[in-house]
Amino acid sequence: MKKDTLEAFKQTSLGAENSAYEVIAKLDPEYFEKLKGLYADATFGREGALPRKTKELIMVGITCALCRPRGVRVHSERALKAGATPKEVLEAMEIAAIPGGMPGLWLGVETLQEILKAKGQDFK
């Protein structure tokens, strides 16, 4: 595995913790190289029609709708680091309640509250 591939994942993560990338890189370096092309180069690392903040808010909604705790945390943290306000993250979670149901919203708001508390921030 190339060091620049792991670095691309770290940059793309915007500081959100996800040690799974290092595990994948170790277990299957060839796959990890190819994953970089889709994940870092083609999706989150490229400036396309949607800015990074919008992409992360979409992922917040999707992961809430699917009730994926790790994804909710990672993408909420990234959305905030990409410039989203807590209110924008909350609204993405609220929208996700339509296709995903209330459990996804509950998961989302509790996660957002934990993230803000850890940062010493109040919801504004």
N, C-alpha and C. Protein backbone atom coordinates (compact mmCIF):
# COMPACT_ATOMS: atom_id res chain seq x y z
N MET A 1 0.84 -1.18 0.00
CA MET A 1 0.00 0.00 0.00
C MET A 1 0.88 1.24 0.00
N LYS A 2 0.51 2.19 -0.79
CA LYS A 2 1.26 3.43 -0.85
C LYS A 2 0.87 4.33 0.32
N LYS A 3 1.86 5.02 0.86
CA LYS A 3 1.61 5.92 1.98
C LYS A 3 0.69 7.06 1.58
N ASP A 4 0.79 7.51 0.33
CA ASP A 4 -0.06 8.62 -0.11
C ASP A 4 -1.53 8.21 -0.17
N THR A 5 -1.82 6.92 -0.33
CA THR A 5 -3.20 6.45 -0.33
C THR A 5 -3.81 6.60 1.05
N LEU A 6 -3.10 6.17 2.08
CA LEU A 6 -3.59 6.31 3.45
C LEU A 6 -3.71 7.79 3.80
N GLU A 7 -2.77 8.60 3.36
CA GLU A 7 -2.83 10.04 3.61
C GLU A 7 -4.06 10.66 2.93
N ALA A 8 -4.41 10.20 1.74
CA ALA A 8 -5.60 10.71 1.05
C ALA A 8 -6.86 10.41 1.86
N PHE A 9 -6.93 9.23 2.45
CA PHE A 9 -8.08 8.88 3.30
C PHE A 9 -8.12 9.76 4.54
N LYS A 10 -6.96 10.01 5.14
CA LYS A 10 -6.91 10.85 6.34
C LYS A 10 -7.35 12.28 6.01
N GLN A 11 -6.92 12.81 4.89
CA GLN A 11 -7.33 14.15 4.49
C GLN A 11 -8.83 14.20 4.21
N THR A 12 -9.32 13.20 3.55
CA THR A 12 -10.73 13.14 3.20
C THR A 12 -11.60 13.00 4.44
N SER A 13 -11.07 12.41 5.50
CA SER A 13 -11.86 12.18 6.72
C SER A 13 -12.12 13.45 7.51
N LEU A 14 -11.42 14.53 7.20
CA LEU A 14 -11.58 15.81 7.91
C LEU A 14 -11.40 15.66 9.42
N GLY A 15 -10.56 14.70 9.81
CA GLY A 15 -10.26 14.52 11.23
C GLY A 15 -11.19 13.58 11.98
N ALA A 16 -12.26 13.12 11.33
CA ALA A 16 -13.16 12.17 12.00
C ALA A 16 -12.46 10.82 12.10
N GLU A 17 -12.52 10.23 13.28
CA GLU A 17 -11.86 8.95 13.53
C GLU A 17 -12.55 7.80 12.80
N ASN A 18 -11.77 7.01 12.08
CA ASN A 18 -12.27 5.79 11.46
C ASN A 18 -11.08 4.89 11.19
N SER A 19 -10.73 4.08 12.17
CA SER A 19 -9.56 3.21 12.06
C SER A 19 -9.77 2.06 11.07
N ALA A 20 -10.99 1.88 10.59
CA ALA A 20 -11.25 0.80 9.63
C ALA A 20 -10.42 0.96 8.37
N TYR A 21 -10.13 2.19 7.98
CA TYR A 21 -9.32 2.40 6.77
C TYR A 21 -7.93 1.78 6.93
N GLU A 22 -7.34 1.95 8.09
CA GLU A 22 -6.02 1.38 8.31
C GLU A 22 -6.07 -0.15 8.31
N VAL A 23 -7.15 -0.70 8.84
CA VAL A 23 -7.30 -2.16 8.85
C VAL A 23 -7.44 -2.67 7.42
N ILE A 24 -8.28 -2.02 6.62
CA ILE A 24 -8.45 -2.43 5.22
C ILE A 24 -7.12 -2.32 4.48
N ALA A 25 -6.40 -1.21 4.70
CA ALA A 25 -5.11 -1.02 4.04
C ALA A 25 -4.13 -2.13 4.38
N LYS A 26 -4.17 -2.57 5.61
CA LYS A 26 -3.26 -3.64 6.06
C LYS A 26 -3.69 -5.01 5.50
N LEU A 27 -4.99 -5.29 5.56
CA LEU A 27 -5.47 -6.61 5.14
C LEU A 27 -5.49 -6.81 3.63
N ASP A 28 -5.81 -5.73 2.89
CA ASP A 28 -5.90 -5.85 1.44
C ASP A 28 -5.47 -4.56 0.76
N PRO A 29 -4.16 -4.34 0.67
CA PRO A 29 -3.63 -3.11 0.11
C PRO A 29 -4.10 -2.83 -1.33
N GLU A 30 -4.23 -3.88 -2.12
CA GLU A 30 -4.66 -3.69 -3.51
C GLU A 30 -6.08 -3.14 -3.57
N TYR A 31 -6.97 -3.70 -2.77
CA TYR A 31 -8.35 -3.21 -2.71
C TYR A 31 -8.38 -1.77 -2.19
N PHE A 32 -7.56 -1.50 -1.17
CA PHE A 32 -7.53 -0.17 -0.58
C PHE A 32 -7.13 0.89 -1.61
N GLU A 33 -6.18 0.56 -2.46
CA GLU A 33 -5.77 1.47 -3.54
C GLU A 33 -6.95 1.78 -4.46
N LYS A 34 -7.71 0.76 -4.79
CA LYS A 34 -8.86 0.95 -5.69
C LYS A 34 -9.99 1.71 -4.99
N LEU A 35 -10.17 1.44 -3.70
CA LEU A 35 -11.19 2.14 -2.92
C LEU A 35 -10.91 3.63 -2.87
N LYS A 36 -9.65 3.99 -2.82
CA LYS A 36 -9.26 5.41 -2.83
C LYS A 36 -9.82 6.11 -4.06
N GLY A 37 -9.78 5.44 -5.20
CA GLY A 37 -10.29 6.03 -6.43
C GLY A 37 -11.75 6.40 -6.34
N LEU A 38 -12.55 5.54 -5.74
CA LEU A 38 -13.98 5.80 -5.61
C LEU A 38 -14.28 6.75 -4.45
N TYR A 39 -13.71 6.47 -3.31
CA TYR A 39 -14.05 7.20 -2.09
C TYR A 39 -13.39 8.58 -2.03
N ALA A 40 -12.08 8.61 -2.14
CA ALA A 40 -11.37 9.88 -1.97
C ALA A 40 -11.33 10.70 -3.26
N ASP A 41 -10.99 10.07 -4.36
CA ASP A 41 -10.81 10.81 -5.60
C ASP A 41 -12.13 11.20 -6.27
N ALA A 42 -13.07 10.28 -6.34
CA ALA A 42 -14.29 10.53 -7.11
C ALA A 42 -15.45 11.08 -6.30
N THR A 43 -15.43 10.92 -4.98
CA THR A 43 -16.59 11.34 -4.19
C THR A 43 -16.25 12.50 -3.26
N PHE A 44 -15.59 12.23 -2.16
CA PHE A 44 -15.39 13.26 -1.14
C PHE A 44 -14.20 14.17 -1.40
N GLY A 45 -13.24 13.72 -2.16
CA GLY A 45 -12.05 14.54 -2.40
C GLY A 45 -12.14 15.43 -3.62
N ARG A 46 -13.21 15.35 -4.35
CA ARG A 46 -13.30 16.15 -5.57
C ARG A 46 -14.35 17.23 -5.41
N GLU A 47 -14.06 18.36 -6.00
CA GLU A 47 -15.02 19.46 -6.04
C GLU A 47 -15.85 19.30 -7.31
N GLY A 48 -17.04 18.79 -7.14
CA GLY A 48 -17.95 18.65 -8.26
C GLY A 48 -19.04 19.69 -8.16
N ALA A 49 -20.23 19.33 -8.58
CA ALA A 49 -21.37 20.24 -8.53
C ALA A 49 -21.81 20.51 -7.09
N LEU A 50 -21.58 19.55 -6.21
CA LEU A 50 -21.98 19.71 -4.80
C LEU A 50 -20.76 19.99 -3.95
N PRO A 51 -20.83 21.00 -3.09
CA PRO A 51 -19.71 21.23 -2.18
C PRO A 51 -19.64 20.14 -1.12
N ARG A 52 -18.48 20.01 -0.50
CA ARG A 52 -18.24 18.96 0.49
C ARG A 52 -19.29 18.99 1.61
N LYS A 53 -19.62 20.17 2.09
CA LYS A 53 -20.62 20.28 3.16
C LYS A 53 -21.93 19.61 2.76
N THR A 54 -22.37 19.84 1.54
CA THR A 54 -23.63 19.26 1.07
C THR A 54 -23.51 17.75 0.97
N LYS A 55 -22.40 17.26 0.47
CA LYS A 55 -22.19 15.80 0.38
C LYS A 55 -22.28 15.16 1.76
N GLU A 56 -21.66 15.82 2.75
CA GLU A 56 -21.68 15.27 4.11
C GLU A 56 -23.08 15.31 4.71
N LEU A 57 -23.82 16.38 4.44
CA LEU A 57 -25.20 16.45 4.94
C LEU A 57 -26.07 15.36 4.31
N ILE A 58 -25.85 15.07 3.05
CA ILE A 58 -26.57 13.97 2.39
C ILE A 58 -26.24 12.65 3.09
N MET A 59 -24.95 12.45 3.39
CA MET A 59 -24.54 11.23 4.07
C MET A 59 -25.10 11.14 5.48
N VAL A 60 -25.23 12.28 6.16
CA VAL A 60 -25.87 12.28 7.48
C VAL A 60 -27.29 11.74 7.35
N GLY A 61 -28.03 12.26 6.38
CA GLY A 61 -29.40 11.80 6.18
C GLY A 61 -29.48 10.32 5.84
N ILE A 62 -28.63 9.88 4.95
CA ILE A 62 -28.64 8.46 4.55
C ILE A 62 -28.31 7.56 5.74
N THR A 63 -27.26 7.90 6.47
CA THR A 63 -26.87 7.03 7.59
C THR A 63 -27.89 7.05 8.72
N CYS A 64 -28.57 8.19 8.91
CA CYS A 64 -29.67 8.23 9.90
C CYS A 64 -30.81 7.32 9.44
N ALA A 65 -31.20 7.46 8.16
CA ALA A 65 -32.31 6.66 7.64
C ALA A 65 -32.01 5.16 7.75
N LEU A 66 -30.74 4.80 7.59
CA LEU A 66 -30.34 3.39 7.67
C LEU A 66 -29.97 2.96 9.09
N CYS A 67 -30.04 3.90 10.04
CA CYS A 67 -29.68 3.63 11.45
C CYS A 67 -28.28 3.04 11.58
N ARG A 68 -27.30 3.74 11.02
CA ARG A 68 -25.91 3.32 11.07
C ARG A 68 -25.13 4.26 12.00
N PRO A 69 -25.00 3.90 13.29
CA PRO A 69 -24.38 4.80 14.27
C PRO A 69 -23.01 5.34 13.88
N ARG A 70 -22.15 4.47 13.40
CA ARG A 70 -20.80 4.92 13.04
C ARG A 70 -20.86 5.94 11.91
N GLY A 71 -21.67 5.69 10.92
CA GLY A 71 -21.81 6.61 9.80
C GLY A 71 -22.41 7.94 10.23
N VAL A 72 -23.40 7.90 11.12
CA VAL A 72 -24.02 9.13 11.62
C VAL A 72 -22.96 9.98 12.31
N ARG A 73 -22.16 9.35 13.15
CA ARG A 73 -21.13 10.10 13.88
C ARG A 73 -20.08 10.67 12.92
N VAL A 74 -19.52 9.82 12.09
CA VAL A 74 -18.45 10.24 11.18
C VAL A 74 -18.92 11.37 10.27
N HIS A 75 -20.08 11.20 9.65
CA HIS A 75 -20.53 12.21 8.68
C HIS A 75 -21.07 13.47 9.35
N SER A 76 -21.59 13.35 10.56
CA SER A 76 -21.98 14.55 11.31
C SER A 76 -20.75 15.36 11.67
N GLU A 77 -19.71 14.69 12.15
CA GLU A 77 -18.46 15.39 12.48
C GLU A 77 -17.88 16.04 11.24
N ARG A 78 -17.88 15.33 10.14
CA ARG A 78 -17.32 15.88 8.89
C ARG A 78 -18.16 17.05 8.38
N ALA A 79 -19.47 16.94 8.48
CA ALA A 79 -20.33 18.03 8.02
C ALA A 79 -20.03 19.30 8.81
N LEU A 80 -19.88 19.16 10.11
CA LEU A 80 -19.56 20.32 10.96
C LEU A 80 -18.20 20.90 10.58
N LYS A 81 -17.22 20.04 10.35
CA LYS A 81 -15.89 20.52 9.97
C LYS A 81 -15.89 21.13 8.57
N ALA A 82 -16.82 20.72 7.74
CA ALA A 82 -16.92 21.27 6.38
C ALA A 82 -17.72 22.57 6.35
N GLY A 83 -18.17 23.02 7.53
CA GLY A 83 -18.85 24.31 7.60
C GLY A 83 -20.33 24.28 7.86
N ALA A 84 -20.90 23.09 8.04
CA ALA A 84 -22.33 23.01 8.35
C ALA A 84 -22.57 23.48 9.78
N THR A 85 -23.69 24.10 10.00
CA THR A 85 -24.07 24.49 11.35
C THR A 85 -24.76 23.29 12.02
N PRO A 86 -24.80 23.26 13.35
CA PRO A 86 -25.55 22.19 14.02
C PRO A 86 -27.01 22.15 13.54
N LYS A 87 -27.60 23.29 13.26
CA LYS A 87 -28.99 23.34 12.77
C LYS A 87 -29.11 22.66 11.41
N GLU A 88 -28.12 22.84 10.53
CA GLU A 88 -28.15 22.18 9.23
C GLU A 88 -28.01 20.66 9.38
N VAL A 89 -27.15 20.23 10.29
CA VAL A 89 -27.00 18.79 10.54
C VAL A 89 -28.30 18.22 11.09
N LEU A 90 -28.90 18.93 12.02
CA LEU A 90 -30.18 18.50 12.58
C LEU A 90 -31.25 18.39 11.49
N GLU A 91 -31.29 19.36 10.61
CA GLU A 91 -32.31 19.32 9.55
C GLU A 91 -32.12 18.13 8.62
N ALA A 92 -30.87 17.78 8.33
CA ALA A 92 -30.61 16.58 7.52
C ALA A 92 -31.13 15.35 8.23
N MET A 93 -30.99 15.31 9.55
CA MET A 93 -31.49 14.19 10.35
C MET A 93 -33.01 14.16 10.35
N GLU A 94 -33.62 15.32 10.46
CA GLU A 94 -35.08 15.40 10.46
C GLU A 94 -35.67 14.95 9.13
N ILE A 95 -35.03 15.31 8.05
CA ILE A 95 -35.50 14.89 6.73
C ILE A 95 -35.40 13.37 6.60
N ALA A 96 -34.36 12.79 7.18
CA ALA A 96 -34.16 11.34 7.11
C ALA A 96 -35.25 10.57 7.83
N ALA A 97 -35.97 11.22 8.75
CA ALA A 97 -37.04 10.53 9.46
C ALA A 97 -38.19 10.15 8.52
N ILE A 98 -38.32 10.86 7.41
CA ILE A 98 -39.40 10.54 6.46
C ILE A 98 -39.18 9.15 5.84
N PRO A 99 -38.04 8.89 5.20
CA PRO A 99 -37.87 7.54 4.64
C PRO A 99 -37.42 6.51 5.67
N GLY A 100 -36.72 6.96 6.74
CA GLY A 100 -36.10 6.01 7.65
C GLY A 100 -36.81 5.75 8.96
N GLY A 101 -37.73 6.64 9.33
CA GLY A 101 -38.45 6.45 10.59
C GLY A 101 -37.80 7.16 11.76
N MET A 102 -38.51 7.18 12.85
CA MET A 102 -38.08 7.89 14.05
C MET A 102 -36.81 7.35 14.69
N PRO A 103 -36.55 6.03 14.68
CA PRO A 103 -35.30 5.57 15.30
C PRO A 103 -34.05 6.22 14.70
N GLY A 104 -34.06 6.48 13.42
CA GLY A 104 -32.92 7.16 12.79
C GLY A 104 -32.78 8.59 13.28
N LEU A 105 -33.90 9.26 13.46
CA LEU A 105 -33.87 10.62 14.00
C LEU A 105 -33.36 10.61 15.44
N TRP A 106 -33.85 9.68 16.24
CA TRP A 106 -33.39 9.58 17.63
C TRP A 106 -31.87 9.36 17.67
N LEU A 107 -31.41 8.42 16.86
CA LEU A 107 -29.98 8.15 16.78
C LEU A 107 -29.22 9.42 16.39
N GLY A 108 -29.72 10.11 15.40
CA GLY A 108 -29.06 11.31 14.91
C GLY A 108 -28.96 12.41 15.95
N VAL A 109 -30.08 12.74 16.58
CA VAL A 109 -30.05 13.86 17.52
C VAL A 109 -29.22 13.53 18.76
N GLU A 110 -29.27 12.29 19.21
CA GLU A 110 -28.44 11.91 20.35
C GLU A 110 -26.96 11.99 19.99
N THR A 111 -26.63 11.56 18.78
CA THR A 111 -25.24 11.62 18.32
C THR A 111 -24.78 13.07 18.18
N LEU A 112 -25.61 13.91 17.59
CA LEU A 112 -25.27 15.32 17.43
C LEU A 112 -25.04 15.96 18.80
N GLN A 113 -25.91 15.65 19.74
CA GLN A 113 -25.76 16.21 21.08
C GLN A 113 -24.44 15.77 21.71
N GLU A 114 -24.07 14.51 21.54
CA GLU A 114 -22.80 14.00 22.07
C GLU A 114 -21.60 14.70 21.44
N ILE A 115 -21.66 14.89 20.12
CA ILE A 115 -20.56 15.56 19.41
C ILE A 115 -20.40 16.99 19.91
N LEU A 116 -21.51 17.71 20.01
CA LEU A 116 -21.45 19.10 20.46
C LEU A 116 -20.97 19.19 21.91
N LYS A 117 -21.44 18.27 22.75
CA LYS A 117 -21.01 18.26 24.15
C LYS A 117 -19.51 18.02 24.25
N ALA A 118 -18.99 17.09 23.46
CA ALA A 118 -17.56 16.79 23.46
C ALA A 118 -16.73 17.99 23.01
N LYS A 119 -17.31 18.81 22.16
CA LYS A 119 -16.62 20.01 21.67
C LYS A 119 -16.86 21.22 22.58
N GLY A 120 -17.69 21.04 23.60
CA GLY A 120 -18.01 22.14 24.50
C GLY A 120 -18.90 23.18 23.86
N GLN A 121 -19.70 22.75 22.89
CA GLN A 121 -20.59 23.66 22.17
C GLN A 121 -22.03 23.45 22.58
N ASP A 122 -22.79 24.50 22.53
CA ASP A 122 -24.23 24.43 22.70
C ASP A 122 -24.88 24.41 21.33
N PHE A 123 -26.06 23.87 21.26
CA PHE A 123 -26.81 23.89 20.01
C PHE A 123 -27.30 25.32 19.76
N LYS A 124 -27.03 25.82 18.59
CA LYS A 124 -27.48 27.17 18.24
C LYS A 124 -28.25 27.13 16.95
